[in-house]
Amino acid sequence: MLSTDTWLKAICALQINAVAFGTFVVTILTIPALTVHAAILIPVAIAASIVISPIIAWWIAPRMRLRNWGKRRWNQGDIISG
């Protein structure tokens, strides 16, 4: 059985992958200079979103657990939660 942290990282990575891919593709398709090379850049965007999503999820997922925050830190927040 996988640990809770692993599940959180996997679910978080899926969401990050979707947002990153969408951002990359919208950027590629809205900039005319990049649209010319879309046949090459869209597969690159797919690969890039797959590569960066677990890295970002590894950073975000621990912050989703209440036990990793003390009462003071919970009230204070951080870069992600504000």
Protein backbone atom coordinates (compact mmCIF):
# COMPACT_ATOMS: atom_id res chain seq x y z
CA MET A 1 0.00 0.00 0.00
CA LEU A 2 1.25 3.46 -0.84
CA SER A 3 1.70 6.08 1.85
CA THR A 4 -0.51 9.11 2.12
CA ASP A 5 2.34 11.37 1.06
CA THR A 6 2.83 9.34 -2.13
CA TRP A 7 -0.87 9.54 -2.95
CA LEU A 8 -0.88 13.30 -2.36
CA LYS A 9 2.15 13.73 -4.60
CA ALA A 10 0.56 11.64 -7.37
CA ILE A 11 -2.76 13.49 -7.29
CA CYS A 12 -1.02 16.84 -7.06
CA ALA A 13 1.27 15.92 -9.98
CA LEU A 14 -1.73 15.10 -12.18
CA GLN A 15 -3.26 18.51 -11.55
CA ILE A 16 0.04 20.31 -12.08
CA ASN A 17 0.59 18.36 -15.31
CA ALA A 18 -2.78 19.49 -16.66
CA VAL A 19 -2.17 23.14 -15.80
CA ALA A 20 1.40 23.14 -17.13
CA PHE A 21 0.41 21.45 -20.39
CA GLY A 22 -2.48 23.86 -20.91
CA THR A 23 -0.26 26.84 -20.21
CA PHE A 24 2.42 25.64 -22.62
CA VAL A 25 -0.04 24.86 -25.42
CA VAL A 26 -1.95 28.13 -25.06
CA THR A 27 1.36 29.99 -25.17
CA ILE A 28 2.47 28.08 -28.26
CA LEU A 29 -0.81 28.60 -30.09
CA THR A 30 -1.25 32.28 -29.27
CA ILE A 31 2.21 33.52 -30.23
CA PRO A 32 2.43 33.60 -34.05
CA ALA A 33 6.18 32.99 -34.14
CA LEU A 34 5.69 29.79 -32.12
CA THR A 35 2.59 28.65 -34.01
CA VAL A 36 4.73 28.09 -37.10
CA HIS A 37 6.70 25.46 -35.17
CA ALA A 38 3.71 23.97 -33.32
CA ALA A 39 4.28 20.48 -34.74
CA ILE A 40 7.60 20.35 -32.89
CA LEU A 41 6.76 22.48 -29.86
CA ILE A 42 3.59 20.68 -28.75
CA PRO A 43 5.39 17.34 -28.18
CA VAL A 44 8.08 19.32 -26.35
CA ALA A 45 5.34 20.86 -24.20
CA ILE A 46 4.01 17.38 -23.41
CA ALA A 47 7.45 16.17 -22.37
CA ALA A 48 8.17 19.31 -20.35
CA SER A 49 4.88 19.11 -18.45
CA ILE A 50 5.52 15.44 -17.63
CA VAL A 51 9.02 16.23 -16.40
CA ILE A 52 8.20 19.28 -14.26
CA SER A 53 4.96 18.05 -12.67
CA PRO A 54 6.50 15.53 -10.21
CA ILE A 55 9.17 18.05 -9.26
CA ILE A 56 6.63 20.73 -8.41
CA ALA A 57 4.33 18.17 -6.72
CA TRP A 58 7.21 17.04 -4.52
CA TRP A 59 7.45 20.65 -3.31
CA ILE A 60 3.70 21.33 -2.93
CA ALA A 61 2.31 18.03 -1.58
CA PRO A 62 3.84 18.18 1.93
CA ARG A 63 2.14 21.54 2.43
CA MET A 64 -1.22 19.83 1.94
CA ARG A 65 -0.83 17.95 5.24
CA LEU A 66 -1.94 19.73 8.40
CA ARG A 67 0.60 17.82 10.49
CA ASN A 68 3.43 19.59 8.65
CA TRP A 69 2.22 22.95 9.90
CA GLY A 70 2.42 24.13 13.48
CA LYS A 71 -0.32 26.41 14.79
CA ARG A 72 1.92 29.45 14.33
CA ARG A 73 2.99 28.43 10.78
CA TRP A 74 -0.62 27.63 9.85
CA ASN A 75 -1.68 31.16 10.78
CA GLN A 76 1.41 32.68 9.17
CA GLY A 77 1.14 30.87 5.79
CA ASP A 78 3.81 30.58 3.13
CA ILE A 79 4.40 31.38 -0.54
CA ILE A 80 1.78 28.91 -1.74
CA SER A 81 -1.04 29.49 0.73
CA GLY A 82 -0.58 33.22 1.13
